[in-house]
Amino acid sequence: MTDRYHTLTVTLEKDTRDDDAEHLINAIQMMRGVLSVAGEVANMDTHMAEERARHELGQKILDVLYPERRKR
C-alpha cells in the first residue's frame, strides 16, 4: 500500500519579499491538485530559530576542529 500526502511544504532558501514571491505562489497554485497556497511571514521566531541552528552548527564544527577544547 502506498502513502498518501495531504500537505507538501516548500521552504525558501532565504526570506523573500511578498511581491517577489508572487510569481512562485502563482506557479504553485497552477499545478494540478493544489487547493491553496499560503505564505508564512518571517518574524522574530524564525530569526531566533535560524540563529540557534547557526550557533549549534558552529559549535559542532569547532568540536570537530578542536576536540580537546570540550575536555576542559
Protein backbone atom coordinates (compact mmCIF):
# COMPACT_ATOMS: atom_id res chain seq x y z
CA MET A 1 0.00 0.00 0.00
CA THR A 2 1.31 3.47 -0.83
CA ASP A 3 1.26 6.53 1.39
CA ARG A 4 -0.97 9.49 0.62
CA TYR A 5 0.17 13.05 1.28
CA HIS A 6 -2.20 15.78 2.39
CA THR A 7 0.40 18.59 2.51
CA LEU A 8 3.69 19.45 0.82
CA THR A 9 5.84 22.16 2.39
CA VAL A 10 8.13 24.36 0.29
CA THR A 11 10.99 26.06 2.11
CA LEU A 12 12.60 29.10 0.50
CA GLU A 13 16.38 29.46 0.70
CA LYS A 14 16.05 32.97 2.16
CA ASP A 15 13.36 35.40 3.28
CA THR A 16 11.68 36.77 0.17
CA ARG A 17 9.55 39.87 -0.25
CA ASP A 18 5.88 39.10 -0.86
CA ASP A 19 5.85 40.87 -4.21
CA ASP A 20 8.93 38.88 -5.31
CA ALA A 21 7.30 35.59 -4.23
CA GLU A 22 4.04 36.33 -6.06
CA HIS A 23 5.14 34.60 -9.29
CA LEU A 24 6.26 31.50 -7.40
CA ILE A 25 2.99 31.36 -5.47
CA ASN A 26 1.02 31.73 -8.70
CA ALA A 27 3.05 28.95 -10.38
CA ILE A 28 2.46 26.55 -7.49
CA GLN A 29 -1.24 27.45 -7.48
CA MET A 30 -1.48 26.46 -11.17
CA MET A 31 -0.26 22.91 -10.50
CA ARG A 32 -2.84 20.15 -10.67
CA GLY A 33 -4.10 19.05 -7.26
CA VAL A 34 -3.15 22.25 -5.41
CA LEU A 35 -6.04 23.52 -3.30
CA SER A 36 -4.36 26.56 -1.78
CA VAL A 37 -1.01 28.28 -1.34
CA ALA A 38 -0.23 30.48 1.63
CA GLY A 39 2.95 32.23 2.71
CA GLU A 40 4.31 32.31 6.23
CA VAL A 41 5.61 35.72 7.27
CA ALA A 42 9.14 35.75 8.70
CA ASN A 43 9.23 37.07 12.25
CA MET A 44 11.38 37.06 15.38
CA ASP A 45 10.67 33.35 15.97
CA THR A 46 12.11 32.39 12.59
CA HIS A 47 15.10 34.65 13.19
CA MET A 48 15.79 33.06 16.58
CA ALA A 49 15.47 29.55 15.14
CA GLU A 50 17.97 30.37 12.39
CA GLU A 51 20.42 31.90 14.88
CA ARG A 52 20.17 28.90 17.22
CA ALA A 53 20.71 26.47 14.35
CA ARG A 54 23.69 28.52 13.13
CA HIS A 55 25.19 28.58 16.64
CA GLU A 56 24.68 24.83 17.13
CA LEU A 57 26.30 24.06 13.78
CA GLY A 58 29.22 26.36 14.64
CA GLN A 59 29.74 24.54 17.94
CA LYS A 60 29.76 21.18 16.19
CA ILE A 61 32.32 22.42 13.67
CA LEU A 62 34.53 23.70 16.50
CA ASP A 63 34.21 20.32 18.26
CA VAL A 64 35.44 18.57 15.12
CA LEU A 65 38.33 21.00 14.59
CA TYR A 66 39.32 21.23 18.27
CA PRO A 67 38.07 18.09 20.07
CA GLU A 68 40.28 18.74 23.12
CA ARG A 69 38.53 22.07 23.89
CA ARG A 70 35.47 20.20 25.27
CA LYS A 71 37.57 18.29 27.81
CA ARG A 72 38.40 21.42 29.82
